Amino acid sequence: MKRRAEHVKDLKEEARGWTAEEARLKERELLDQLFRLKFQFSSGQTDVLRKIRELRHDIARVKTILRERSLKPEAAKQT
């Protein structure tokens, strides 16, 4: 199994190659996973807490990439 640092690096590199639509789809998948894990956590499964934290970070990474892409055309117009 991959270490978390390797997973993060792979996710970043892979996400940079996604189209905007693919990134939005991945974001939606991660949000769905987070929703399901929150239910598991509320039912008493404490082992999912780490997964919840990791998913929230992954969602933030995808959102950051989408935000960077949305700002690129605006930055080119200002210069």
PDB file of N, CA and C in Angstrom:
ATOM      1  N   MET A   1       0.845  -1.184   0.000  1.00  0.00           N
ATOM      2  CA  MET A   1       0.000   0.000   0.000  1.00  0.00           C
ATOM      3  C   MET A   1       0.888   1.245   0.000  1.00  0.00           C
ATOM      4  N   LYS A   2       0.465   2.240  -0.740  1.00  0.00           N
ATOM      5  CA  LYS A   2       1.250   3.469  -0.842  1.00  0.00           C
ATOM      6  C   LYS A   2       1.202   4.267   0.451  1.00  0.00           C
ATOM      7  N   ARG A   3       2.301   4.915   0.726  1.00  0.00           N
ATOM      8  CA  ARG A   3       2.318   5.835   1.853  1.00  0.00           C
ATOM      9  C   ARG A   3       1.491   7.057   1.471  1.00  0.00           C
ATOM     10  N   ARG A   4       1.027   7.762   2.450  1.00  0.00           N
ATOM     11  CA  ARG A   4       0.171   8.928   2.212  1.00  0.00           C
ATOM     12  C   ARG A   4       0.901   9.989   1.388  1.00  0.00           C
ATOM     13  N   ALA A   5       2.163  10.226   1.657  1.00  0.00           N
ATOM     14  CA  ALA A   5       2.924  11.247   0.926  1.00  0.00           C
ATOM     15  C   ALA A   5       3.002  10.902  -0.559  1.00  0.00           C
ATOM     16  N   GLU A   6       3.169   9.627  -0.863  1.00  0.00           N
ATOM     17  CA  GLU A   6       3.207   9.203  -2.266  1.00  0.00           C
ATOM     18  C   GLU A   6       1.855   9.395  -2.926  1.00  0.00           C
ATOM     19  N   HIS A   7       0.793   9.094  -2.171  1.00  0.00           N
ATOM     20  CA  HIS A   7      -0.562   9.268  -2.702  1.00  0.00           C
ATOM     21  C   HIS A   7      -0.831  10.743  -3.018  1.00  0.00           C
ATOM     22  N   VAL A   8      -0.424  11.622  -2.135  1.00  0.00           N
ATOM     23  CA  VAL A   8      -0.635  13.060  -2.322  1.00  0.00           C
ATOM     24  C   VAL A   8       0.116  13.543  -3.561  1.00  0.00           C
ATOM     25  N   LYS A   9       1.360  13.123  -3.694  1.00  0.00           N
ATOM     26  CA  LYS A   9       2.162  13.526  -4.844  1.00  0.00           C
ATOM     27  C   LYS A   9       1.535  13.026  -6.138  1.00  0.00           C
ATOM     28  N   ASP A  10       1.092  11.773  -6.143  1.00  0.00           N
ATOM     29  CA  ASP A  10       0.448  11.211  -7.328  1.00  0.00           C
ATOM     30  C   ASP A  10      -0.850  11.948  -7.653  1.00  0.00           C
ATOM     31  N   LEU A  11      -1.632  12.270  -6.630  1.00  0.00           N
ATOM     32  CA  LEU A  11      -2.884  12.978  -6.846  1.00  0.00           C
ATOM     33  C   LEU A  11      -2.640  14.353  -7.455  1.00  0.00           C
ATOM     34  N   LYS A  12      -1.647  15.065  -6.931  1.00  0.00           N
ATOM     35  CA  LYS A  12      -1.332  16.395  -7.464  1.00  0.00           C
ATOM     36  C   LYS A  12      -0.923  16.317  -8.923  1.00  0.00           C
ATOM     37  N   GLU A  13      -0.015  15.392  -9.231  1.00  0.00           N
ATOM     38  CA  GLU A  13       0.463  15.264 -10.608  1.00  0.00           C
ATOM     39  C   GLU A  13      -0.657  14.842 -11.542  1.00  0.00           C
ATOM     40  N   GLU A  14      -1.466  13.896 -11.095  1.00  0.00           N
ATOM     41  CA  GLU A  14      -2.574  13.417 -11.912  1.00  0.00           C
ATOM     42  C   GLU A  14      -3.609  14.525 -12.119  1.00  0.00           C
ATOM     43  N   ALA A  15      -3.905  15.263 -11.071  1.00  0.00           N
ATOM     44  CA  ALA A  15      -4.931  16.301 -11.134  1.00  0.00           C
ATOM     45  C   ALA A  15      -4.539  17.432 -12.083  1.00  0.00           C
ATOM     46  N   ARG A  16      -3.265  17.720 -12.182  1.00  0.00           N
ATOM     47  CA  ARG A  16      -2.815  18.779 -13.101  1.00  0.00           C
ATOM     48  C   ARG A  16      -3.130  18.430 -14.551  1.00  0.00           C
ATOM     49  N   GLY A  17      -3.241  17.154 -14.854  1.00  0.00           N
ATOM     50  CA  GLY A  17      -3.536  16.725 -16.210  1.00  0.00           C
ATOM     51  C   GLY A  17      -5.023  16.601 -16.517  1.00  0.00           C
ATOM     52  N   TRP A  18      -5.862  16.733 -15.506  1.00  0.00           N
ATOM     53  CA  TRP A  18      -7.301  16.605 -15.715  1.00  0.00           C
ATOM     54  C   TRP A  18      -7.870  17.823 -16.418  1.00  0.00           C
ATOM     55  N   THR A  19      -8.941  17.598 -17.139  1.00  0.00           N
ATOM     56  CA  THR A  19      -9.712  18.724 -17.665  1.00  0.00           C
ATOM     57  C   THR A  19     -10.541  19.285 -16.508  1.00  0.00           C
ATOM     58  N   ALA A  20     -11.131  20.435 -16.712  1.00  0.00           N
ATOM     59  CA  ALA A  20     -11.945  21.043 -15.657  1.00  0.00           C
ATOM     60  C   ALA A  20     -13.121  20.136 -15.302  1.00  0.00           C
ATOM     61  N   GLU A  21     -13.705  19.513 -16.308  1.00  0.00           N
ATOM     62  CA  GLU A  21     -14.845  18.621 -16.070  1.00  0.00           C
ATOM     63  C   GLU A  21     -14.427  17.389 -15.267  1.00  0.00           C
ATOM     64  N   GLU A  22     -13.275  16.836 -15.584  1.00  0.00           N
ATOM     65  CA  GLU A  22     -12.772  15.682 -14.832  1.00  0.00           C
ATOM     66  C   GLU A  22     -12.482  16.062 -13.384  1.00  0.00           C
ATOM     67  N   ALA A  23     -11.941  17.243 -13.170  1.00  0.00           N
ATOM     68  CA  ALA A  23     -11.647  17.702 -11.810  1.00  0.00           C
ATOM     69  C   ALA A  23     -12.934  17.891 -11.016  1.00  0.00           C
ATOM     70  N   ARG A  24     -13.952  18.460 -11.658  1.00  0.00           N
ATOM     71  CA  ARG A  24     -15.242  18.626 -10.964  1.00  0.00           C
ATOM     72  C   ARG A  24     -15.857  17.273 -10.631  1.00  0.00           C
ATOM     73  N   LEU A  25     -15.729  16.319 -11.536  1.00  0.00           N
ATOM     74  CA  LEU A  25     -16.249  14.974 -11.299  1.00  0.00           C
ATOM     75  C   LEU A  25     -15.518  14.319 -10.123  1.00  0.00           C
ATOM     76  N   LYS A  26     -14.215  14.449 -10.090  1.00  0.00           N
ATOM     77  CA  LYS A  26     -13.417  13.892  -8.989  1.00  0.00           C
ATOM     78  C   LYS A  26     -13.791  14.552  -7.663  1.00  0.00           C
ATOM     79  N   GLU A  27     -13.996  15.864  -7.702  1.00  0.00           N
ATOM     80  CA  GLU A  27     -14.412  16.589  -6.498  1.00  0.00           C
ATOM     81  C   GLU A  27     -15.742  16.032  -5.989  1.00  0.00           C
ATOM     82  N   ARG A  28     -16.671  15.795  -6.912  1.00  0.00           N
ATOM     83  CA  ARG A  28     -17.983  15.254  -6.541  1.00  0.00           C
ATOM     84  C   ARG A  28     -17.846  13.862  -5.923  1.00  0.00           C
ATOM     85  N   GLU A  29     -16.978  13.029  -6.505  1.00  0.00           N
ATOM     86  CA  GLU A  29     -16.752  11.686  -5.966  1.00  0.00           C
ATOM     87  C   GLU A  29     -16.180  11.754  -4.549  1.00  0.00           C
ATOM     88  N   LEU A  30     -15.224  12.642  -4.352  1.00  0.00           N
ATOM     89  CA  LEU A  30     -14.614  12.783  -3.027  1.00  0.00           C
ATOM     90  C   LEU A  30     -15.630  13.288  -2.006  1.00  0.00           C
ATOM     91  N   LEU A  31     -16.491  14.214  -2.424  1.00  0.00           N
ATOM     92  CA  LEU A  31     -17.524  14.720  -1.517  1.00  0.00           C
ATOM     93  C   LEU A  31     -18.518  13.626  -1.148  1.00  0.00           C
ATOM     94  N   ASP A  32     -18.847  12.766  -2.111  1.00  0.00           N
ATOM     95  CA  ASP A  32     -19.744  11.638  -1.819  1.00  0.00           C
ATOM     96  C   ASP A  32     -19.103  10.674  -0.832  1.00  0.00           C
ATOM     97  N   GLN A  33     -17.818  10.390  -1.021  1.00  0.00           N
ATOM     98  CA  GLN A  33     -17.102   9.518  -0.085  1.00  0.00           C
ATOM     99  C   GLN A  33     -17.087  10.119   1.312  1.00  0.00           C
ATOM    100  N   LEU A  34     -16.847  11.419   1.379  1.00  0.00           N
ATOM    101  CA  LEU A  34     -16.823  12.114   2.667  1.00  0.00           C
ATOM    102  C   LEU A  34     -18.180  12.008   3.356  1.00  0.00           C
ATOM    103  N   PHE A  35     -19.238  12.169   2.604  1.00  0.00           N
ATOM    104  CA  PHE A  35     -20.598  12.074   3.143  1.00  0.00           C
ATOM    105  C   PHE A  35     -20.832  10.693   3.761  1.00  0.00           C
ATOM    106  N   ARG A  36     -20.439   9.641   3.040  1.00  0.00           N
ATOM    107  CA  ARG A  36     -20.632   8.282   3.544  1.00  0.00           C
ATOM    108  C   ARG A  36     -19.778   8.026   4.791  1.00  0.00           C
ATOM    109  N   LEU A  37     -18.545   8.530   4.781  1.00  0.00           N
ATOM    110  CA  LEU A  37     -17.678   8.326   5.938  1.00  0.00           C
ATOM    111  C   LEU A  37     -18.190   9.057   7.179  1.00  0.00           C
ATOM    112  N   LYS A  38     -18.807  10.201   6.978  1.00  0.00           N
ATOM    113  CA  LYS A  38     -19.366  10.928   8.125  1.00  0.00           C
ATOM    114  C   LYS A  38     -20.484  10.121   8.789  1.00  0.00           C
ATOM    115  N   PHE A  39     -21.274   9.415   7.966  1.00  0.00           N
ATOM    116  CA  PHE A  39     -22.309   8.561   8.531  1.00  0.00           C
ATOM    117  C   PHE A  39     -21.692   7.404   9.314  1.00  0.00           C
ATOM    118  N   GLN A  40     -20.644   6.817   8.767  1.00  0.00           N
ATOM    119  CA  GLN A  40     -19.972   5.729   9.479  1.00  0.00           C
ATOM    120  C   GLN A  40     -19.401   6.234  10.796  1.00  0.00           C
ATOM    121  N   PHE A  41     -18.826   7.411  10.774  1.00  0.00           N
ATOM    122  CA  PHE A  41     -18.247   7.977  11.985  1.00  0.00           C
ATOM    123  C   PHE A  41     -19.324   8.237  13.034  1.00  0.00           C
ATOM    124  N   SER A  42     -20.462   8.752  12.602  1.00  0.00           N
ATOM    125  CA  SER A  42     -21.527   9.054  13.553  1.00  0.00           C
ATOM    126  C   SER A  42     -22.139   7.781  14.136  1.00  0.00           C
ATOM    127  N   SER A  43     -21.979   6.652  13.430  1.00  0.00           N
ATOM    128  CA  SER A  43     -22.507   5.399  13.958  1.00  0.00           C
ATOM    129  C   SER A  43     -21.512   4.705  14.890  1.00  0.00           C
ATOM    130  N   GLY A  44     -20.374   5.349  15.137  1.00  0.00           N
ATOM    131  CA  GLY A  44     -19.454   4.839  16.131  1.00  0.00           C
ATOM    132  C   GLY A  44     -18.179   4.231  15.602  1.00  0.00           C
ATOM    133  N   GLN A  45     -17.974   4.241  14.307  1.00  0.00           N
ATOM    134  CA  GLN A  45     -16.735   3.687  13.761  1.00  0.00           C
ATOM    135  C   GLN A  45     -15.643   4.751  13.837  1.00  0.00           C
ATOM    136  N   THR A  46     -14.799   4.634  14.821  1.00  0.00           N
ATOM    137  CA  THR A  46     -13.778   5.660  15.048  1.00  0.00           C
ATOM    138  C   THR A  46     -12.587   5.529  14.113  1.00  0.00           C
ATOM    139  N   ASP A  47     -12.452   4.409  13.427  1.00  0.00           N
ATOM    140  CA  ASP A  47     -11.303   4.223  12.550  1.00  0.00           C
ATOM    141  C   ASP A  47     -11.407   5.035  11.254  1.00  0.00           C
ATOM    142  N   VAL A  48     -12.542   5.653  10.991  1.00  0.00           N
ATOM    143  CA  VAL A  48     -12.704   6.418   9.759  1.00  0.00           C
ATOM    144  C   VAL A  48     -12.294   7.879   9.915  1.00  0.00           C
ATOM    145  N   LEU A  49     -11.957   8.288  11.117  1.00  0.00           N
ATOM    146  CA  LEU A  49     -11.595   9.691  11.347  1.00  0.00           C
ATOM    147  C   LEU A  49     -10.403  10.109  10.493  1.00  0.00           C
ATOM    148  N   ARG A  50      -9.399   9.262  10.420  1.00  0.00           N
ATOM    149  CA  ARG A  50      -8.211   9.579   9.607  1.00  0.00           C
ATOM    150  C   ARG A  50      -8.583   9.693   8.124  1.00  0.00           C
ATOM    151  N   LYS A  51      -9.445   8.805   7.668  1.00  0.00           N
ATOM    152  CA  LYS A  51      -9.872   8.843   6.271  1.00  0.00           C
ATOM    153  C   LYS A  51     -10.654  10.127   5.971  1.00  0.00           C
ATOM    154  N   ILE A  52     -11.458  10.559   6.928  1.00  0.00           N
ATOM    155  CA  ILE A  52     -12.220  11.799   6.757  1.00  0.00           C
ATOM    156  C   ILE A  52     -11.263  12.973   6.595  1.00  0.00           C
ATOM    157  N   ARG A  53     -10.255  13.025   7.439  1.00  0.00           N
ATOM    158  CA  ARG A  53      -9.277  14.120   7.367  1.00  0.00           C
ATOM    159  C   ARG A  53      -8.539  14.104   6.035  1.00  0.00           C
ATOM    160  N   GLU A  54      -8.129  12.921   5.591  1.00  0.00           N
ATOM    161  CA  GLU A  54      -7.419  12.803   4.324  1.00  0.00           C
ATOM    162  C   GLU A  54      -8.302  13.226   3.155  1.00  0.00           C
ATOM    163  N   LEU A  55      -9.560  12.822   3.189  1.00  0.00           N
ATOM    164  CA  LEU A  55     -10.488  13.195   2.114  1.00  0.00           C
ATOM    165  C   LEU A  55     -10.691  14.700   2.057  1.00  0.00           C
ATOM    166  N   ARG A  56     -10.804  15.341   3.209  1.00  0.00           N
ATOM    167  CA  ARG A  56     -10.980  16.790   3.220  1.00  0.00           C
ATOM    168  C   ARG A  56      -9.779  17.493   2.595  1.00  0.00           C
ATOM    169  N   HIS A  57      -8.591  16.973   2.842  1.00  0.00           N
ATOM    170  CA  HIS A  57      -7.382  17.536   2.231  1.00  0.00           C
ATOM    171  C   HIS A  57      -7.378  17.307   0.722  1.00  0.00           C
ATOM    172  N   ASP A  58      -7.797  16.105   0.299  1.00  0.00           N
ATOM    173  CA  ASP A  58      -7.852  15.811  -1.129  1.00  0.00           C
ATOM    174  C   ASP A  58      -8.859  16.716  -1.845  1.00  0.00           C
ATOM    175  N   ILE A  59      -9.983  16.944  -1.215  1.00  0.00           N
ATOM    176  CA  ILE A  59     -11.001  17.835  -1.790  1.00  0.00           C
ATOM    177  C   ILE A  59     -10.429  19.239  -1.926  1.00  0.00           C
ATOM    178  N   ALA A  60      -9.720  19.695  -0.914  1.00  0.00           N
ATOM    179  CA  ALA A  60      -9.110  21.029  -0.959  1.00  0.00           C
ATOM    180  C   ALA A  60      -8.086  21.122  -2.086  1.00  0.00           C
ATOM    181  N   ARG A  61      -7.323  20.057  -2.304  1.00  0.00           N
ATOM    182  CA  ARG A  61      -6.338  20.064  -3.397  1.00  0.00           C
ATOM    183  C   ARG A  61      -7.016  20.207  -4.750  1.00  0.00           C
ATOM    184  N   VAL A  62      -8.098  19.458  -4.947  1.00  0.00           N
ATOM    185  CA  VAL A  62      -8.825  19.531  -6.222  1.00  0.00           C
ATOM    186  C   VAL A  62      -9.428  20.922  -6.402  1.00  0.00           C
ATOM    187  N   LYS A  63     -10.005  21.462  -5.341  1.00  0.00           N
ATOM    188  CA  LYS A  63     -10.590  22.801  -5.425  1.00  0.00           C
ATOM    189  C   LYS A  63      -9.524  23.857  -5.724  1.00  0.00           C
ATOM    190  N   THR A  64      -8.341  23.681  -5.161  1.00  0.00           N
ATOM    191  CA  THR A  64      -7.246  24.615  -5.417  1.00  0.00           C
ATOM    192  C   THR A  64      -6.859  24.598  -6.887  1.00  0.00           C
ATOM    193  N   ILE A  65      -6.768  23.421  -7.458  1.00  0.00           N
ATOM    194  CA  ILE A  65      -6.418  23.309  -8.870  1.00  0.00           C
ATOM    195  C   ILE A  65      -7.492  23.954  -9.744  1.00  0.00           C
ATOM    196  N   LEU A  66      -8.755  23.726  -9.414  1.00  0.00           N
ATOM    197  CA  LEU A  66      -9.840  24.364 -10.173  1.00  0.00           C
ATOM    198  C   LEU A  66      -9.770  25.882 -10.051  1.00  0.00           C
ATOM    199  N   ARG A  67      -9.480  26.372  -8.871  1.00  0.00           N
ATOM    200  CA  ARG A  67      -9.384  27.814  -8.645  1.00  0.00           C
ATOM    201  C   ARG A  67      -8.210  28.412  -9.420  1.00  0.00           C
ATOM    202  N   GLU A  68      -7.067  27.727  -9.401  1.00  0.00           N
ATOM    203  CA  GLU A  68      -5.901  28.217 -10.154  1.00  0.00           C
ATOM    204  C   GLU A  68      -6.222  28.332 -11.631  1.00  0.00           C
ATOM    205  N   ARG A  69      -6.930  27.362 -12.152  1.00  0.00           N
ATOM    206  CA  ARG A  69      -7.286  27.379 -13.571  1.00  0.00           C
ATOM    207  C   ARG A  69      -8.258  28.507 -13.890  1.00  0.00           C
ATOM    208  N   SER A  70      -9.165  28.785 -12.973  1.00  0.00           N
ATOM    209  CA  SER A  70     -10.125  29.860 -13.231  1.00  0.00           C
ATOM    210  C   SER A  70      -9.445  31.229 -13.175  1.00  0.00           C
ATOM    211  N   LEU A  71      -8.354  31.345 -12.421  1.00  0.00           N
ATOM    212  CA  LEU A  71      -7.649  32.616 -12.308  1.00  0.00           C
ATOM    213  C   LEU A  71      -6.651  32.844 -13.435  1.00  0.00           C
ATOM    214  N   LYS A  72      -6.184  31.809 -14.091  1.00  0.00           N
ATOM    215  CA  LYS A  72      -5.189  31.963 -15.140  1.00  0.00           C
ATOM    216  C   LYS A  72      -5.645  32.895 -16.270  1.00  0.00           C
ATOM    217  N   PRO A  73      -6.823  32.712 -16.844  1.00  0.00           N
ATOM    218  CA  PRO A  73      -7.238  33.633 -17.913  1.00  0.00           C
ATOM    219  C   PRO A  73      -7.384  35.074 -17.418  1.00  0.00           C
ATOM    220  N   GLU A  74      -7.825  35.253 -16.181  1.00  0.00           N
ATOM    221  CA  GLU A  74      -7.979  36.604 -15.649  1.00  0.00           C
ATOM    222  C   GLU A  74      -6.621  37.276 -15.466  1.00  0.00           C
ATOM    223  N   ALA A  75      -5.637  36.534 -15.033  1.00  0.00           N
ATOM    224  CA  ALA A  75      -4.292  37.092 -14.847  1.00  0.00           C
ATOM    225  C   ALA A  75      -3.698  37.499 -16.177  1.00  0.00           C
ATOM    226  N   ALA A  76      -3.953  36.757 -17.230  1.00  0.00           N
ATOM    227  CA  ALA A  76      -3.427  37.085 -18.559  1.00  0.00           C
ATOM    228  C   ALA A  76      -4.077  38.354 -19.088  1.00  0.00           C
ATOM    229  N   LYS A  77      -5.345  38.586 -18.763  1.00  0.00           N
ATOM    230  CA  LYS A  77      -6.041  39.793 -19.219  1.00  0.00           C
ATOM    231  C   LYS A  77      -5.513  41.046 -18.535  1.00  0.00           C
ATOM    232  N   GLN A  78      -5.095  40.932 -17.287  1.00  0.00           N
ATOM    233  CA  GLN A  78      -4.658  42.090 -16.513  1.00  0.00           C
ATOM    234  C   GLN A  78      -3.263  42.573 -16.944  1.00  0.00           C
ATOM    235  N   THR A  79      -2.470  41.724 -17.527  1.00  0.00           N
ATOM    236  CA  THR A  79      -1.104  42.129 -17.895  1.00  0.00           C
ATOM    237  C   THR A  79      -1.036  42.661 -19.291  1.00  0.00           C
TER     238      THR A  79
END
